């Protein structure tokens, strides 16, 4: 019997058929927009991230209302406080920048928007590290108490999701214990379960004023040369009660995302970080790439690798300019 000549192109020739059999889709529901909130009089542009601002609370609320009307429903807040000290005392205050923003957002839009909050101390400490420093070293167990109290302050102010990004051991379990003890059992934890010590975070550290004043974060963020360590971290967080697991950064770690997708049934998020965003933006400004086409291609690669949710600074532009229609 003669084997028929195979022609895979038959399924690519017709645009309607291509759309019908496409395996992967990206919708506004799959995107979460990171936003920086600060006590500033007007939106303050981030020069390293064209199109991204630090927002005063009233204008942050108005922007979220506009984006919700256009179909973007998920946001994650990063606080940029005026006051910093060695114990990150402003991070746990009910009068802190993030709790105040949460109260204002929820008053304006209620449950029409999903509001997550980044739970970390780096923007609130005068040394820029993600917890309590003692004897020149980051103290893991004292730091997780601080992080649990930050998560509690956010949840009590109305956060729909709390997202610890610090990479301290045991912080998911402690956050879950504290939230449950305060009858906040309904608040999910989206853990930055796999967070590499990456060179792609530079623009974010400018935006959030969170660069460490000494040393670096390689003592707690993961070594990008390692693969198996990532699964260990993520599965530990799942066992401690995480509801969503995140991989960070994005495009350079799709192998890690795929590994994780094959090992867990939890929803997965991936963070297309500031450096990725800025590279696309500046390349587009130089007319080297088509910004929309490249961004959509990268998002589809993330979804194809297993992401349910993509944290991306391009989300607002995507809904305003109808990139996904």
C-alpha atoms as a PDB file:
ATOM      1  CA  UNK A   1       0.000   0.000   0.000  1.00  0.00           C
ATOM      2  CA  UNK A   2       1.336   3.400  -0.936  1.00  0.00           C
ATOM      3  CA  UNK A   3       1.616   5.822   1.977  1.00  0.00           C
ATOM      4  CA  UNK A   4      -0.280   9.025   1.073  1.00  0.00           C
ATOM      5  CA  UNK A   5       1.789  12.173   0.659  1.00  0.00           C
ATOM      6  CA  UNK A   6       1.290  14.241   3.837  1.00  0.00           C
ATOM      7  CA  UNK A   7       0.290  17.878   3.400  1.00  0.00           C
ATOM      8  CA  UNK A   8       0.001  19.681   6.787  1.00  0.00           C
ATOM      9  CA  UNK A   9      -0.364  22.931   4.856  1.00  0.00           C
ATOM     10  CA  UNK A  10      -3.921  21.967   3.945  1.00  0.00           C
ATOM     11  CA  UNK A  11      -4.965  23.043   7.431  1.00  0.00           C
ATOM     12  CA  UNK A  12      -3.207  26.426   7.171  1.00  0.00           C
ATOM     13  CA  UNK A  13      -4.415  27.651   3.811  1.00  0.00           C
ATOM     14  CA  UNK A  14      -7.836  28.959   4.892  1.00  0.00           C
ATOM     15  CA  UNK A  15      -8.000  31.710   7.518  1.00  0.00           C
ATOM     16  CA  UNK A  16     -11.360  30.573   8.890  1.00  0.00           C
ATOM     17  CA  UNK A  17     -10.097  27.022   9.288  1.00  0.00           C
ATOM     18  CA  UNK A  18      -6.890  28.233  10.965  1.00  0.00           C
ATOM     19  CA  UNK A  19      -8.976  30.072  13.536  1.00  0.00           C
ATOM     20  CA  UNK A  20     -11.292  27.113  14.092  1.00  0.00           C
ATOM     21  CA  UNK A  21      -8.487  24.677  14.905  1.00  0.00           C
ATOM     22  CA  UNK A  22      -6.169  27.045  16.825  1.00  0.00           C
ATOM     23  CA  UNK A  23      -5.126  25.339  20.055  1.00  0.00           C
ATOM     24  CA  UNK A  24      -4.253  28.395  22.129  1.00  0.00           C
ATOM     25  CA  UNK A  25      -6.053  31.696  22.693  1.00  0.00           C
ATOM     26  CA  UNK A  26      -5.299  34.837  24.679  1.00  0.00           C
ATOM     27  CA  UNK A  27      -8.237  36.856  25.999  1.00  0.00           C
ATOM     28  CA  UNK A  28      -8.357  39.919  28.279  1.00  0.00           C
ATOM     29  CA  UNK A  29      -9.441  37.525  31.054  1.00  0.00           C
ATOM     30  CA  UNK A  30      -5.990  35.924  30.869  1.00  0.00           C
ATOM     31  CA  UNK A  31      -4.155  39.214  31.564  1.00  0.00           C
ATOM     32  CA  UNK A  32      -3.343  40.945  34.861  1.00  0.00           C
ATOM     33  CA  UNK A  33      -1.971  44.495  34.848  1.00  0.00           C
ATOM     34  CA  UNK A  34       0.722  45.466  37.400  1.00  0.00           C
ATOM     35  CA  UNK A  35       0.191  49.028  38.673  1.00  0.00           C
ATOM     36  CA  UNK A  36       2.315  51.224  40.932  1.00  0.00           C
ATOM     37  CA  UNK A  37       0.517  53.376  43.492  1.00  0.00           C
ATOM     38  CA  UNK A  38       2.210  56.262  45.285  1.00  0.00           C
ATOM     39  CA  UNK A  39       1.425  59.478  47.139  1.00  0.00           C
ATOM     40  CA  UNK A  40       2.186  61.730  44.173  1.00  0.00           C
ATOM     41  CA  UNK A  41       0.031  64.641  42.935  1.00  0.00           C
ATOM     42  CA  UNK A  42      -0.088  63.464  39.307  1.00  0.00           C
ATOM     43  CA  UNK A  43       0.836  60.266  37.455  1.00  0.00           C
ATOM     44  CA  UNK A  44       4.621  60.081  37.386  1.00  0.00           C
ATOM     45  CA  UNK A  45       6.045  58.422  34.250  1.00  0.00           C
ATOM     46  CA  UNK A  46       8.629  55.673  34.654  1.00  0.00           C
ATOM     47  CA  UNK A  47      11.328  56.638  32.174  1.00  0.00           C
ATOM     48  CA  UNK A  48      12.670  53.093  31.852  1.00  0.00           C
ATOM     49  CA  UNK A  49       9.167  51.770  31.103  1.00  0.00           C
ATOM     50  CA  UNK A  50       7.439  53.949  28.493  1.00  0.00           C
ATOM     51  CA  UNK A  51       3.704  54.031  29.092  1.00  0.00           C
ATOM     52  CA  UNK A  52       3.934  52.996  32.762  1.00  0.00           C
ATOM     53  CA  UNK A  53       3.361  55.429  35.653  1.00  0.00           C
ATOM     54  CA  UNK A  54       3.303  55.706  39.391  1.00  0.00           C
ATOM     55  CA  UNK A  55      -0.342  56.560  40.099  1.00  0.00           C
ATOM     56  CA  UNK A  56      -1.902  58.734  42.814  1.00  0.00           C
ATOM     57  CA  UNK A  57      -4.854  56.919  44.354  1.00  0.00           C
ATOM     58  CA  UNK A  58      -7.711  58.969  42.803  1.00  0.00           C
ATOM     59  CA  UNK A  59      -6.297  58.667  39.291  1.00  0.00           C
ATOM     60  CA  UNK A  60      -5.419  55.008  39.817  1.00  0.00           C
ATOM     61  CA  UNK A  61      -9.079  54.387  40.632  1.00  0.00           C
ATOM     62  CA  UNK A  62     -10.231  56.294  37.562  1.00  0.00           C
ATOM     63  CA  UNK A  63      -7.821  54.371  35.321  1.00  0.00           C
ATOM     64  CA  UNK A  64      -8.999  51.035  36.676  1.00  0.00           C
ATOM     65  CA  UNK A  65     -12.619  52.072  36.066  1.00  0.00           C
ATOM     66  CA  UNK A  66     -11.770  52.921  32.440  1.00  0.00           C
ATOM     67  CA  UNK A  67      -9.921  49.648  31.875  1.00  0.00           C
ATOM     68  CA  UNK A  68     -12.707  47.578  33.435  1.00  0.00           C
ATOM     69  CA  UNK A  69     -15.144  49.165  30.983  1.00  0.00           C
ATOM     70  CA  UNK A  70     -12.843  48.047  28.149  1.00  0.00           C
ATOM     71  CA  UNK A  71     -12.741  44.480  29.408  1.00  0.00           C
ATOM     72  CA  UNK A  72      -9.607  44.256  31.563  1.00  0.00           C
ATOM     73  CA  UNK A  73     -10.647  42.941  34.969  1.00  0.00           C
ATOM     74  CA  UNK A  74      -7.463  41.844  36.816  1.00  0.00           C
ATOM     75  CA  UNK A  75      -4.844  44.078  38.459  1.00  0.00           C
ATOM     76  CA  UNK A  76      -1.966  43.694  40.901  1.00  0.00           C
ATOM     77  CA  UNK A  77      -0.865  46.638  43.062  1.00  0.00           C
ATOM     78  CA  UNK A  78       2.673  47.579  44.068  1.00  0.00           C
ATOM     79  CA  UNK A  79       3.008  50.233  46.743  1.00  0.00           C
ATOM     80  CA  UNK A  80       5.663  52.953  46.517  1.00  0.00           C
ATOM     81  CA  UNK A  81       5.673  54.463  50.036  1.00  0.00           C
ATOM     82  CA  UNK A  82       7.070  57.775  51.186  1.00  0.00           C
ATOM     83  CA  UNK A  83       8.410  56.341  54.440  1.00  0.00           C
ATOM     84  CA  UNK A  84      11.005  53.572  54.648  1.00  0.00           C
ATOM     85  CA  UNK A  85      12.725  52.059  57.672  1.00  0.00           C
ATOM     86  CA  UNK A  86      14.705  48.946  58.533  1.00  0.00           C
ATOM     87  CA  UNK A  87      11.584  47.073  59.713  1.00  0.00           C
ATOM     88  CA  UNK A  88       9.248  48.051  56.842  1.00  0.00           C
ATOM     89  CA  UNK A  89       6.758  49.406  59.374  1.00  0.00           C
ATOM     90  CA  UNK A  90       4.754  51.218  56.690  1.00  0.00           C
ATOM     91  CA  UNK A  91       3.984  47.934  54.931  1.00  0.00           C
ATOM     92  CA  UNK A  92       1.704  46.662  57.707  1.00  0.00           C
ATOM     93  CA  UNK A  93      -0.085  49.919  58.494  1.00  0.00           C
ATOM     94  CA  UNK A  94      -3.805  50.093  57.743  1.00  0.00           C
ATOM     95  CA  UNK A  95      -3.062  53.652  56.603  1.00  0.00           C
ATOM     96  CA  UNK A  96      -0.390  52.445  54.183  1.00  0.00           C
ATOM     97  CA  UNK A  97      -0.484  53.274  50.500  1.00  0.00           C
ATOM     98  CA  UNK A  98      -1.802  49.868  49.369  1.00  0.00           C
ATOM     99  CA  UNK A  99      -4.619  49.510  51.951  1.00  0.00           C
ATOM    100  CA  UNK A 100      -5.808  53.036  51.171  1.00  0.00           C
ATOM    101  CA  UNK A 101      -5.755  52.278  47.456  1.00  0.00           C
ATOM    102  CA  UNK A 102      -7.659  49.024  47.981  1.00  0.00           C
ATOM    103  CA  UNK A 103     -10.414  50.730  49.943  1.00  0.00           C
ATOM    104  CA  UNK A 104     -10.805  53.404  47.245  1.00  0.00           C
ATOM    105  CA  UNK A 105     -10.814  50.890  44.380  1.00  0.00           C
ATOM    106  CA  UNK A 106     -13.339  48.598  46.012  1.00  0.00           C
ATOM    107  CA  UNK A 107     -15.599  51.533  46.814  1.00  0.00           C
ATOM    108  CA  UNK A 108     -15.552  52.526  43.146  1.00  0.00           C
ATOM    109  CA  UNK A 109     -15.751  49.199  41.307  1.00  0.00           C
ATOM    110  CA  UNK A 110     -16.631  46.569  43.907  1.00  0.00           C
ATOM    111  CA  UNK A 111     -16.279  43.055  42.550  1.00  0.00           C
ATOM    112  CA  UNK A 112     -16.131  44.185  38.914  1.00  0.00           C
ATOM    113  CA  UNK A 113     -12.341  44.092  39.204  1.00  0.00           C
ATOM    114  CA  UNK A 114     -10.055  41.469  40.702  1.00  0.00           C
ATOM    115  CA  UNK A 115      -7.393  43.221  42.776  1.00  0.00           C
ATOM    116  CA  UNK A 116      -4.288  41.323  43.835  1.00  0.00           C
ATOM    117  CA  UNK A 117      -1.504  42.848  45.900  1.00  0.00           C
ATOM    118  CA  UNK A 118       2.205  42.192  45.893  1.00  0.00           C
ATOM    119  CA  UNK A 119       3.263  41.122  49.385  1.00  0.00           C
ATOM    120  CA  UNK A 120       6.889  42.038  49.960  1.00  0.00           C
ATOM    121  CA  UNK A 121       8.975  44.396  52.075  1.00  0.00           C
ATOM    122  CA  UNK A 122      11.592  45.598  49.580  1.00  0.00           C
ATOM    123  CA  UNK A 123       9.852  48.891  48.736  1.00  0.00           C
ATOM    124  CA  UNK A 124       9.280  49.634  52.422  1.00  0.00           C
ATOM    125  CA  UNK A 125      12.730  48.899  53.850  1.00  0.00           C
ATOM    126  CA  UNK A 126      15.494  51.475  53.855  1.00  0.00           C
ATOM    127  CA  UNK A 127      17.938  48.733  52.831  1.00  0.00           C
ATOM    128  CA  UNK A 128      15.862  47.449  49.915  1.00  0.00           C
ATOM    129  CA  UNK A 129      15.852  43.784  50.890  1.00  0.00           C
ATOM    130  CA  UNK A 130      12.732  41.653  51.113  1.00  0.00           C
ATOM    131  CA  UNK A 131      12.553  41.197  54.880  1.00  0.00           C
ATOM    132  CA  UNK A 132      14.266  41.747  58.213  1.00  0.00           C
ATOM    133  CA  UNK A 133      18.053  42.150  58.230  1.00  0.00           C
ATOM    134  CA  UNK A 134      19.917  41.086  61.361  1.00  0.00           C
ATOM    135  CA  UNK A 135      23.673  40.758  61.618  1.00  0.00           C
ATOM    136  CA  UNK A 136      24.019  41.656  57.976  1.00  0.00           C
ATOM    137  CA  UNK A 137      21.863  38.708  56.866  1.00  0.00           C
ATOM    138  CA  UNK A 138      18.225  38.311  55.926  1.00  0.00           C
ATOM    139  CA  UNK A 139      16.439  36.577  58.815  1.00  0.00           C
ATOM    140  CA  UNK A 140      14.005  34.143  57.221  1.00  0.00           C
ATOM    141  CA  UNK A 141      11.649  33.390  60.104  1.00  0.00           C
ATOM    142  CA  UNK A 142      11.310  36.965  61.343  1.00  0.00           C
ATOM    143  CA  UNK A 143      10.721  38.028  57.750  1.00  0.00           C
ATOM    144  CA  UNK A 144       7.831  35.624  57.272  1.00  0.00           C
ATOM    145  CA  UNK A 145       6.060  37.118  60.294  1.00  0.00           C
ATOM    146  CA  UNK A 146       6.394  40.534  58.672  1.00  0.00           C
ATOM    147  CA  UNK A 147       5.108  39.189  55.353  1.00  0.00           C
ATOM    148  CA  UNK A 148       2.123  37.527  56.992  1.00  0.00           C
ATOM    149  CA  UNK A 149       1.196  40.821  58.624  1.00  0.00           C
ATOM    150  CA  UNK A 150       1.518  42.646  55.284  1.00  0.00           C
ATOM    151  CA  UNK A 151      -0.796  40.099  53.677  1.00  0.00           C
ATOM    152  CA  UNK A 152      -3.251  40.518  56.561  1.00  0.00           C
ATOM    153  CA  UNK A 153      -3.301  44.318  56.179  1.00  0.00           C
ATOM    154  CA  UNK A 154      -4.016  43.952  52.465  1.00  0.00           C
ATOM    155  CA  UNK A 155      -6.706  41.312  52.892  1.00  0.00           C
ATOM    156  CA  UNK A 156      -8.471  43.298  55.588  1.00  0.00           C
ATOM    157  CA  UNK A 157      -8.502  46.327  53.267  1.00  0.00           C
ATOM    158  CA  UNK A 158     -10.183  44.330  50.502  1.00  0.00           C
ATOM    159  CA  UNK A 159      -7.515  42.530  48.448  1.00  0.00           C
ATOM    160  CA  UNK A 160      -9.034  39.699  46.423  1.00  0.00           C
ATOM    161  CA  UNK A 161      -5.677  37.883  46.208  1.00  0.00           C
ATOM    162  CA  UNK A 162      -2.428  38.279  48.131  1.00  0.00           C
ATOM    163  CA  UNK A 163       0.776  37.466  46.272  1.00  0.00           C
ATOM    164  CA  UNK A 164       3.978  36.969  48.287  1.00  0.00           C
ATOM    165  CA  UNK A 165       7.035  37.674  46.120  1.00  0.00           C
ATOM    166  CA  UNK A 166       9.848  37.515  48.671  1.00  0.00           C
ATOM    167  CA  UNK A 167      11.061  33.889  48.306  1.00  0.00           C
ATOM    168  CA  UNK A 168      11.313  33.291  52.055  1.00  0.00           C
ATOM    169  CA  UNK A 169      10.980  29.659  53.109  1.00  0.00           C
ATOM    170  CA  UNK A 170       7.656  28.870  54.752  1.00  0.00           C
ATOM    171  CA  UNK A 171       5.923  32.158  54.040  1.00  0.00           C
ATOM    172  CA  UNK A 172       2.912  30.643  52.259  1.00  0.00           C
ATOM    173  CA  UNK A 173       2.079  28.442  55.247  1.00  0.00           C
ATOM    174  CA  UNK A 174       2.432  31.354  57.683  1.00  0.00           C
ATOM    175  CA  UNK A 175       0.316  33.709  55.542  1.00  0.00           C
ATOM    176  CA  UNK A 176      -2.399  31.047  55.266  1.00  0.00           C
ATOM    177  CA  UNK A 177      -2.366  30.527  59.042  1.00  0.00           C
ATOM    178  CA  UNK A 178      -2.679  34.255  59.758  1.00  0.00           C
ATOM    179  CA  UNK A 179      -5.408  34.856  57.192  1.00  0.00           C
ATOM    180  CA  UNK A 180      -7.420  31.878  58.393  1.00  0.00           C
ATOM    181  CA  UNK A 181      -7.051  32.958  62.029  1.00  0.00           C
ATOM    182  CA  UNK A 182      -8.648  36.287  61.071  1.00  0.00           C
ATOM    183  CA  UNK A 183     -11.567  34.652  59.207  1.00  0.00           C
ATOM    184  CA  UNK A 184     -10.104  35.474  55.801  1.00  0.00           C
ATOM    185  CA  UNK A 185     -10.212  31.900  54.575  1.00  0.00           C
ATOM    186  CA  UNK A 186     -11.748  33.066  51.277  1.00  0.00           C
ATOM    187  CA  UNK A 187      -8.665  35.075  50.208  1.00  0.00           C
ATOM    188  CA  UNK A 188      -6.444  33.083  47.816  1.00  0.00           C
ATOM    189  CA  UNK A 189      -2.643  33.140  47.853  1.00  0.00           C
ATOM    190  CA  UNK A 190      -0.915  33.547  44.503  1.00  0.00           C
ATOM    191  CA  UNK A 191       2.629  32.567  45.338  1.00  0.00           C
ATOM    192  CA  UNK A 192       5.638  33.798  43.414  1.00  0.00           C
ATOM    193  CA  UNK A 193       6.702  30.185  43.765  1.00  0.00           C
ATOM    194  CA  UNK A 194       9.494  30.227  41.182  1.00  0.00           C
ATOM    195  CA  UNK A 195      11.292  33.560  41.140  1.00  0.00           C
ATOM    196  CA  UNK A 196      14.740  33.676  39.655  1.00  0.00           C
ATOM    197  CA  UNK A 197      17.482  36.177  40.481  1.00  0.00           C
ATOM    198  CA  UNK A 198      17.186  37.799  37.077  1.00  0.00           C
ATOM    199  CA  UNK A 199      18.830  40.727  35.345  1.00  0.00           C
ATOM    200  CA  UNK A 200      15.442  41.574  33.835  1.00  0.00           C
ATOM    201  CA  UNK A 201      14.094  43.328  36.953  1.00  0.00           C
ATOM    202  CA  UNK A 202      16.019  46.603  36.535  1.00  0.00           C
ATOM    203  CA  UNK A 203      13.193  48.864  35.306  1.00  0.00           C
ATOM    204  CA  UNK A 204      10.867  47.579  38.043  1.00  0.00           C
ATOM    205  CA  UNK A 205      13.360  48.447  40.758  1.00  0.00           C
ATOM    206  CA  UNK A 206      13.438  51.973  39.393  1.00  0.00           C
ATOM    207  CA  UNK A 207       9.637  52.133  39.308  1.00  0.00           C
ATOM    208  CA  UNK A 208       9.158  50.736  42.815  1.00  0.00           C
ATOM    209  CA  UNK A 209      12.296  52.310  44.338  1.00  0.00           C
ATOM    210  CA  UNK A 210      13.220  48.864  45.609  1.00  0.00           C
ATOM    211  CA  UNK A 211      16.840  48.217  44.617  1.00  0.00           C
ATOM    212  CA  UNK A 212      18.908  46.727  47.480  1.00  0.00           C
ATOM    213  CA  UNK A 213      21.302  49.218  49.036  1.00  0.00           C
ATOM    214  CA  UNK A 214      23.938  46.526  49.598  1.00  0.00           C
ATOM    215  CA  UNK A 215      24.560  43.061  48.255  1.00  0.00           C
ATOM    216  CA  UNK A 216      21.977  41.434  46.016  1.00  0.00           C
ATOM    217  CA  UNK A 217      19.080  38.970  46.254  1.00  0.00           C
ATOM    218  CA  UNK A 218      20.816  35.827  45.071  1.00  0.00           C
ATOM    219  CA  UNK A 219      20.768  34.504  48.623  1.00  0.00           C
ATOM    220  CA  UNK A 220      16.995  34.020  48.420  1.00  0.00           C
ATOM    221  CA  UNK A 221      15.921  34.339  44.787  1.00  0.00           C
ATOM    222  CA  UNK A 222      16.702  31.314  42.617  1.00  0.00           C
ATOM    223  CA  UNK A 223      19.801  30.588  40.563  1.00  0.00           C
ATOM    224  CA  UNK A 224      18.856  30.787  36.869  1.00  0.00           C
ATOM    225  CA  UNK A 225      21.212  27.898  36.107  1.00  0.00           C
ATOM    226  CA  UNK A 226      18.963  25.498  38.021  1.00  0.00           C
ATOM    227  CA  UNK A 227      15.871  23.684  36.820  1.00  0.00           C
ATOM    228  CA  UNK A 228      15.011  20.989  39.375  1.00  0.00           C
ATOM    229  CA  UNK A 229      15.133  23.457  42.260  1.00  0.00           C
ATOM    230  CA  UNK A 230      12.164  25.243  40.685  1.00  0.00           C
ATOM    231  CA  UNK A 231       9.836  22.270  40.978  1.00  0.00           C
ATOM    232  CA  UNK A 232      10.885  21.754  44.571  1.00  0.00           C
ATOM    233  CA  UNK A 233      10.038  25.379  45.413  1.00  0.00           C
ATOM    234  CA  UNK A 234       6.674  25.274  43.660  1.00  0.00           C
ATOM    235  CA  UNK A 235       5.533  21.967  45.096  1.00  0.00           C
ATOM    236  CA  UNK A 236       6.508  23.094  48.588  1.00  0.00           C
ATOM    237  CA  UNK A 237       4.293  26.167  48.152  1.00  0.00           C
ATOM    238  CA  UNK A 238       1.455  24.002  46.885  1.00  0.00           C
ATOM    239  CA  UNK A 239       1.782  21.838  49.985  1.00  0.00           C
ATOM    240  CA  UNK A 240       1.713  24.927  52.211  1.00  0.00           C
ATOM    241  CA  UNK A 241      -1.606  26.090  50.783  1.00  0.00           C
ATOM    242  CA  UNK A 242      -0.881  28.244  47.729  1.00  0.00           C
ATOM    243  CA  UNK A 243      -3.870  28.541  45.401  1.00  0.00           C
ATOM    244  CA  UNK A 244      -2.003  29.814  42.318  1.00  0.00           C
ATOM    245  CA  UNK A 245       1.675  29.284  41.488  1.00  0.00           C
ATOM    246  CA  UNK A 246       3.700  31.850  39.564  1.00  0.00           C
ATOM    247  CA  UNK A 247       6.841  31.629  37.446  1.00  0.00           C
ATOM    248  CA  UNK A 248       8.944  34.789  37.130  1.00  0.00           C
ATOM    249  CA  UNK A 249      10.376  36.055  34.748  1.00  0.00           C
ATOM    250  CA  UNK A 250       8.530  35.031  31.602  1.00  0.00           C
ATOM    251  CA  UNK A 251       9.956  34.276  28.192  1.00  0.00           C
ATOM    252  CA  UNK A 252      13.344  32.872  29.322  1.00  0.00           C
ATOM    253  CA  UNK A 253      11.639  30.410  31.702  1.00  0.00           C
ATOM    254  CA  UNK A 254       8.979  28.709  29.607  1.00  0.00           C
ATOM    255  CA  UNK A 255      10.748  25.373  30.113  1.00  0.00           C
ATOM    256  CA  UNK A 256      10.212  25.816  33.849  1.00  0.00           C
ATOM    257  CA  UNK A 257       6.561  26.738  33.354  1.00  0.00           C
ATOM    258  CA  UNK A 258       6.025  23.635  31.226  1.00  0.00           C
ATOM    259  CA  UNK A 259       7.743  21.425  33.818  1.00  0.00           C
ATOM    260  CA  UNK A 260       5.418  22.808  36.458  1.00  0.00           C
ATOM    261  CA  UNK A 261       2.306  22.429  34.313  1.00  0.00           C
ATOM    262  CA  UNK A 262       3.060  18.718  34.051  1.00  0.00           C
ATOM    263  CA  UNK A 263       3.405  18.341  37.836  1.00  0.00           C
ATOM    264  CA  UNK A 264       0.476  20.281  39.295  1.00  0.00           C
ATOM    265  CA  UNK A 265      -3.225  20.857  38.733  1.00  0.00           C
ATOM    266  CA  UNK A 266      -3.151  24.319  40.324  1.00  0.00           C
ATOM    267  CA  UNK A 267      -3.674  27.387  38.133  1.00  0.00           C
ATOM    268  CA  UNK A 268      -0.379  28.857  36.938  1.00  0.00           C
ATOM    269  CA  UNK A 269       0.659  32.463  36.397  1.00  0.00           C
ATOM    270  CA  UNK A 270       3.676  33.862  34.605  1.00  0.00           C
ATOM    271  CA  UNK A 271       5.105  37.363  34.969  1.00  0.00           C
ATOM    272  CA  UNK A 272       6.298  39.126  31.823  1.00  0.00           C
ATOM    273  CA  UNK A 273       8.599  41.361  33.831  1.00  0.00           C
ATOM    274  CA  UNK A 274       9.707  44.961  33.428  1.00  0.00           C
ATOM    275  CA  UNK A 275      12.862  44.204  31.460  1.00  0.00           C
ATOM    276  CA  UNK A 276      10.893  42.137  28.966  1.00  0.00           C
ATOM    277  CA  UNK A 277       8.361  44.939  28.587  1.00  0.00           C
ATOM    278  CA  UNK A 278      11.032  47.617  28.152  1.00  0.00           C
ATOM    279  CA  UNK A 279      12.956  45.621  25.541  1.00  0.00           C
ATOM    280  CA  UNK A 280       9.797  45.286  23.464  1.00  0.00           C
ATOM    281  CA  UNK A 281       8.921  48.968  23.919  1.00  0.00           C
ATOM    282  CA  UNK A 282      12.328  50.324  22.940  1.00  0.00           C
ATOM    283  CA  UNK A 283      12.679  47.924  20.013  1.00  0.00           C
ATOM    284  CA  UNK A 284       9.258  49.049  18.786  1.00  0.00           C
ATOM    285  CA  UNK A 285      10.206  52.711  19.161  1.00  0.00           C
ATOM    286  CA  UNK A 286      13.232  52.003  16.957  1.00  0.00           C
ATOM    287  CA  UNK A 287      10.910  50.404  14.358  1.00  0.00           C
ATOM    288  CA  UNK A 288      12.803  47.149  14.776  1.00  0.00           C
ATOM    289  CA  UNK A 289       9.682  45.099  15.598  1.00  0.00           C
ATOM    290  CA  UNK A 290       5.899  45.234  15.436  1.00  0.00           C
ATOM    291  CA  UNK A 291       4.983  45.749  19.103  1.00  0.00           C
ATOM    292  CA  UNK A 292       1.503  44.232  18.912  1.00  0.00           C
ATOM    293  CA  UNK A 293       2.574  41.226  16.875  1.00  0.00           C
ATOM    294  CA  UNK A 294       5.579  40.411  19.068  1.00  0.00           C
ATOM    295  CA  UNK A 295       3.650  40.838  22.302  1.00  0.00           C
ATOM    296  CA  UNK A 296       0.789  38.628  21.136  1.00  0.00           C
ATOM    297  CA  UNK A 297       3.253  35.973  19.971  1.00  0.00           C
ATOM    298  CA  UNK A 298       4.972  35.938  23.355  1.00  0.00           C
ATOM    299  CA  UNK A 299       1.663  35.770  25.224  1.00  0.00           C
ATOM    300  CA  UNK A 300       0.581  32.809  23.142  1.00  0.00           C
ATOM    301  CA  UNK A 301       3.884  31.067  23.899  1.00  0.00           C
ATOM    302  CA  UNK A 302       3.194  31.535  27.611  1.00  0.00           C
ATOM    303  CA  UNK A 303      -0.342  30.215  27.311  1.00  0.00           C
ATOM    304  CA  UNK A 304       0.874  27.311  25.181  1.00  0.00           C
ATOM    305  CA  UNK A 305       3.446  26.420  27.847  1.00  0.00           C
ATOM    306  CA  UNK A 306       0.699  26.241  30.479  1.00  0.00           C
ATOM    307  CA  UNK A 307      -0.048  29.682  31.918  1.00  0.00           C
ATOM    308  CA  UNK A 308      -3.602  30.465  32.972  1.00  0.00           C
ATOM    309  CA  UNK A 309      -2.737  34.053  33.848  1.00  0.00           C
ATOM    310  CA  UNK A 310      -0.153  36.455  32.409  1.00  0.00           C
ATOM    311  CA  UNK A 311       1.030  39.425  34.455  1.00  0.00           C
ATOM    312  CA  UNK A 312       2.014  42.009  31.843  1.00  0.00           C
ATOM    313  CA  UNK A 313       2.518  45.771  31.642  1.00  0.00           C
ATOM    314  CA  UNK A 314       1.138  45.640  28.097  1.00  0.00           C
ATOM    315  CA  UNK A 315      -2.347  44.671  29.308  1.00  0.00           C
ATOM    316  CA  UNK A 316      -3.739  48.220  29.376  1.00  0.00           C
ATOM    317  CA  UNK A 317      -2.486  49.026  25.876  1.00  0.00           C
ATOM    318  CA  UNK A 318      -3.836  45.709  24.627  1.00  0.00           C
ATOM    319  CA  UNK A 319      -7.400  46.445  25.683  1.00  0.00           C
ATOM    320  CA  UNK A 320      -7.301  50.118  24.681  1.00  0.00           C
ATOM    321  CA  UNK A 321      -6.029  49.295  21.192  1.00  0.00           C
ATOM    322  CA  UNK A 322      -8.040  46.050  20.836  1.00  0.00           C
ATOM    323  CA  UNK A 323      -5.015  43.821  20.258  1.00  0.00           C
ATOM    324  CA  UNK A 324      -6.923  40.662  21.091  1.00  0.00           C
ATOM    325  CA  UNK A 325      -9.964  41.161  18.861  1.00  0.00           C
END
